[in-house]
Structures are given as C-alpha cells and as structure tokens.
C-alpha cells in the first residue's frame, strides 16, 4: 500500500509557476486588443446611431414638411433620449445635433 501512495504524481510548485507565467503572458497580450476593439465598437456604434437618427429626421421631414430639431425628434417619439440628461448621445458619450438637416456629433 505504501508503494502505491509513493507513485502518485502531482504538479510541483515549479510546474504550477510555469503555468501561471504562461497564463499571465497570454492575458498581457490579449487585454490591449480587447480595449482597442472596444473603442472601434464605440465609433461604429456612433456612426450607426447617426445614420438611424438621420433616417428618422428624414421621416419627420416627409411627414411634417419641415426639418426637425433634435428636441422635436425626441418629443414626437422618433428617437429615445438619454435617461440621465434628456439628450441623445452616442455610445462614446458625445451629444448629437442636427445642423442644416444633417445629424452630427457636437
């Protein structure tokens, strides 16, 4: 019975340290890529929101015959406002406005 217990193998401290080192290196390589993709997603999300609001502004103009302001789009229910301050904001936090019939970031 004693011989059987001595043959059991486990991980040594050195092996565990090597595994932890490899995991740490993988995380250090992967994290900067995640943050880079996050900012790219915010930019694309803002561009998509601008296109959507531009389409809603055109729909408002077709129905009412005048170019709307952002406030009119919000009060008429064409777009939803930010819960905190009542403004329409991109995912990156910048506010949207309508200038000469075009939707853009402030």
C-alpha atoms as a PDB file:
ATOM      1  CA  UNK A   1       0.000   0.000   0.000  1.00  0.00           C
ATOM      2  CA  UNK A   2       2.855   2.381   0.804  1.00  0.00           C
ATOM      3  CA  UNK A   3       4.443   1.845  -2.617  1.00  0.00           C
ATOM      4  CA  UNK A   4       1.167   2.767  -4.314  1.00  0.00           C
ATOM      5  CA  UNK A   5       0.956   6.105  -2.424  1.00  0.00           C
ATOM      6  CA  UNK A   6       4.539   6.997  -3.331  1.00  0.00           C
ATOM      7  CA  UNK A   7       3.840   6.520  -7.066  1.00  0.00           C
ATOM      8  CA  UNK A   8       1.113   9.173  -7.121  1.00  0.00           C
ATOM      9  CA  UNK A   9       2.292  12.149  -9.127  1.00  0.00           C
ATOM     10  CA  UNK A  10       1.157  15.703  -8.715  1.00  0.00           C
ATOM     11  CA  UNK A  11       2.169  19.070 -10.027  1.00  0.00           C
ATOM     12  CA  UNK A  12       5.257  20.563  -8.469  1.00  0.00           C
ATOM     13  CA  UNK A  13       5.457  24.177  -7.428  1.00  0.00           C
ATOM     14  CA  UNK A  14       7.751  24.932 -10.364  1.00  0.00           C
ATOM     15  CA  UNK A  15       5.270  23.462 -12.844  1.00  0.00           C
ATOM     16  CA  UNK A  16       2.445  25.495 -11.360  1.00  0.00           C
ATOM     17  CA  UNK A  17       4.568  28.659 -11.554  1.00  0.00           C
ATOM     18  CA  UNK A  18       5.292  27.983 -15.242  1.00  0.00           C
ATOM     19  CA  UNK A  19       1.581  27.543 -15.961  1.00  0.00           C
ATOM     20  CA  UNK A  20       0.802  30.810 -14.157  1.00  0.00           C
ATOM     21  CA  UNK A  21       3.533  32.582 -16.145  1.00  0.00           C
ATOM     22  CA  UNK A  22       2.088  31.342 -19.445  1.00  0.00           C
ATOM     23  CA  UNK A  23      -1.430  32.450 -18.458  1.00  0.00           C
ATOM     24  CA  UNK A  24      -0.107  35.873 -17.431  1.00  0.00           C
ATOM     25  CA  UNK A  25       1.669  36.336 -20.756  1.00  0.00           C
ATOM     26  CA  UNK A  26      -1.470  35.379 -22.667  1.00  0.00           C
ATOM     27  CA  UNK A  27      -3.517  37.909 -20.682  1.00  0.00           C
ATOM     28  CA  UNK A  28      -0.943  40.655 -21.231  1.00  0.00           C
ATOM     29  CA  UNK A  29      -1.099  40.051 -24.964  1.00  0.00           C
ATOM     30  CA  UNK A  30      -4.906  39.790 -25.143  1.00  0.00           C
ATOM     31  CA  UNK A  31      -6.013  42.743 -22.973  1.00  0.00           C
ATOM     32  CA  UNK A  32      -4.696  45.571 -25.189  1.00  0.00           C
ATOM     33  CA  UNK A  33      -6.528  44.030 -28.154  1.00  0.00           C
ATOM     34  CA  UNK A  34      -9.788  43.982 -26.217  1.00  0.00           C
ATOM     35  CA  UNK A  35      -9.537  47.691 -25.343  1.00  0.00           C
ATOM     36  CA  UNK A  36      -8.680  48.570 -28.948  1.00  0.00           C
ATOM     37  CA  UNK A  37     -11.721  46.714 -30.212  1.00  0.00           C
ATOM     38  CA  UNK A  38     -13.896  48.401 -27.595  1.00  0.00           C
ATOM     39  CA  UNK A  39     -13.093  51.881 -28.924  1.00  0.00           C
ATOM     40  CA  UNK A  40     -13.662  50.711 -32.507  1.00  0.00           C
ATOM     41  CA  UNK A  41     -17.059  49.321 -31.493  1.00  0.00           C
ATOM     42  CA  UNK A  42     -17.991  52.679 -29.914  1.00  0.00           C
ATOM     43  CA  UNK A  43     -17.046  54.524 -33.129  1.00  0.00           C
ATOM     44  CA  UNK A  44     -19.073  52.159 -35.297  1.00  0.00           C
ATOM     45  CA  UNK A  45     -21.966  52.339 -32.846  1.00  0.00           C
ATOM     46  CA  UNK A  46     -21.953  56.122 -33.062  1.00  0.00           C
ATOM     47  CA  UNK A  47     -21.887  56.035 -36.870  1.00  0.00           C
ATOM     48  CA  UNK A  48     -24.831  53.621 -36.874  1.00  0.00           C
ATOM     49  CA  UNK A  49     -26.774  55.810 -34.439  1.00  0.00           C
ATOM     50  CA  UNK A  50     -26.133  58.888 -36.603  1.00  0.00           C
ATOM     51  CA  UNK A  51     -27.473  57.048 -39.670  1.00  0.00           C
ATOM     52  CA  UNK A  52     -30.544  55.901 -37.757  1.00  0.00           C
ATOM     53  CA  UNK A  53     -31.284  59.411 -36.457  1.00  0.00           C
ATOM     54  CA  UNK A  54     -30.709  60.831 -39.964  1.00  0.00           C
ATOM     55  CA  UNK A  55     -33.335  58.411 -41.268  1.00  0.00           C
ATOM     56  CA  UNK A  56     -35.757  59.450 -38.531  1.00  0.00           C
ATOM     57  CA  UNK A  57     -35.114  63.124 -39.312  1.00  0.00           C
ATOM     58  CA  UNK A  58     -35.942  62.471 -42.977  1.00  0.00           C
ATOM     59  CA  UNK A  59     -39.118  60.620 -41.983  1.00  0.00           C
ATOM     60  CA  UNK A  60     -40.124  63.578 -39.795  1.00  0.00           C
ATOM     61  CA  UNK A  61     -39.423  65.972 -42.653  1.00  0.00           C
ATOM     62  CA  UNK A  62     -41.533  63.906 -45.067  1.00  0.00           C
ATOM     63  CA  UNK A  63     -44.462  63.783 -42.650  1.00  0.00           C
ATOM     64  CA  UNK A  64     -44.337  67.407 -41.443  1.00  0.00           C
ATOM     65  CA  UNK A  65     -42.684  69.320 -44.280  1.00  0.00           C
ATOM     66  CA  UNK A  66     -40.026  70.959 -42.079  1.00  0.00           C
ATOM     67  CA  UNK A  67     -36.541  69.993 -40.962  1.00  0.00           C
ATOM     68  CA  UNK A  68     -36.764  68.912 -37.319  1.00  0.00           C
ATOM     69  CA  UNK A  69     -34.629  69.846 -34.371  1.00  0.00           C
ATOM     70  CA  UNK A  70     -33.295  67.133 -32.098  1.00  0.00           C
ATOM     71  CA  UNK A  71     -35.813  68.177 -29.437  1.00  0.00           C
ATOM     72  CA  UNK A  72     -38.688  67.700 -31.882  1.00  0.00           C
ATOM     73  CA  UNK A  73     -37.483  64.213 -32.778  1.00  0.00           C
ATOM     74  CA  UNK A  74     -37.336  63.315 -29.097  1.00  0.00           C
ATOM     75  CA  UNK A  75     -40.707  64.820 -28.108  1.00  0.00           C
ATOM     76  CA  UNK A  76     -42.503  63.349 -31.152  1.00  0.00           C
ATOM     77  CA  UNK A  77     -41.153  59.888 -30.304  1.00  0.00           C
ATOM     78  CA  UNK A  78     -38.927  59.388 -33.335  1.00  0.00           C
ATOM     79  CA  UNK A  79     -35.876  58.735 -31.134  1.00  0.00           C
ATOM     80  CA  UNK A  80     -35.342  57.993 -27.448  1.00  0.00           C
ATOM     81  CA  UNK A  81     -33.414  60.343 -25.224  1.00  0.00           C
ATOM     82  CA  UNK A  82     -30.692  59.609 -22.698  1.00  0.00           C
ATOM     83  CA  UNK A  83     -32.252  58.757 -19.343  1.00  0.00           C
ATOM     84  CA  UNK A  84     -29.860  60.970 -17.341  1.00  0.00           C
ATOM     85  CA  UNK A  85     -29.889  64.322 -19.116  1.00  0.00           C
ATOM     86  CA  UNK A  86     -32.597  64.090 -21.781  1.00  0.00           C
ATOM     87  CA  UNK A  87     -30.131  64.406 -24.677  1.00  0.00           C
ATOM     88  CA  UNK A  88     -29.390  61.952 -27.459  1.00  0.00           C
ATOM     89  CA  UNK A  89     -25.861  60.603 -27.049  1.00  0.00           C
ATOM     90  CA  UNK A  90     -23.554  58.209 -28.889  1.00  0.00           C
ATOM     91  CA  UNK A  91     -22.078  55.189 -27.082  1.00  0.00           C
ATOM     92  CA  UNK A  92     -18.861  57.194 -26.625  1.00  0.00           C
ATOM     93  CA  UNK A  93     -20.795  59.919 -24.764  1.00  0.00           C
ATOM     94  CA  UNK A  94     -20.816  62.673 -27.396  1.00  0.00           C
ATOM     95  CA  UNK A  95     -24.085  64.509 -27.946  1.00  0.00           C
ATOM     96  CA  UNK A  96     -25.844  64.534 -31.322  1.00  0.00           C
ATOM     97  CA  UNK A  97     -27.272  67.601 -33.040  1.00  0.00           C
ATOM     98  CA  UNK A  98     -28.935  68.475 -36.339  1.00  0.00           C
ATOM     99  CA  UNK A  99     -27.206  71.176 -38.411  1.00  0.00           C
ATOM    100  CA  UNK A 100     -28.615  72.122 -41.835  1.00  0.00           C
ATOM    101  CA  UNK A 101     -30.639  68.909 -41.929  1.00  0.00           C
ATOM    102  CA  UNK A 102     -27.644  66.664 -41.185  1.00  0.00           C
ATOM    103  CA  UNK A 103     -27.156  64.757 -37.953  1.00  0.00           C
ATOM    104  CA  UNK A 104     -23.661  65.093 -36.457  1.00  0.00           C
ATOM    105  CA  UNK A 105     -21.739  64.901 -33.204  1.00  0.00           C
ATOM    106  CA  UNK A 106     -21.391  68.085 -31.184  1.00  0.00           C
END
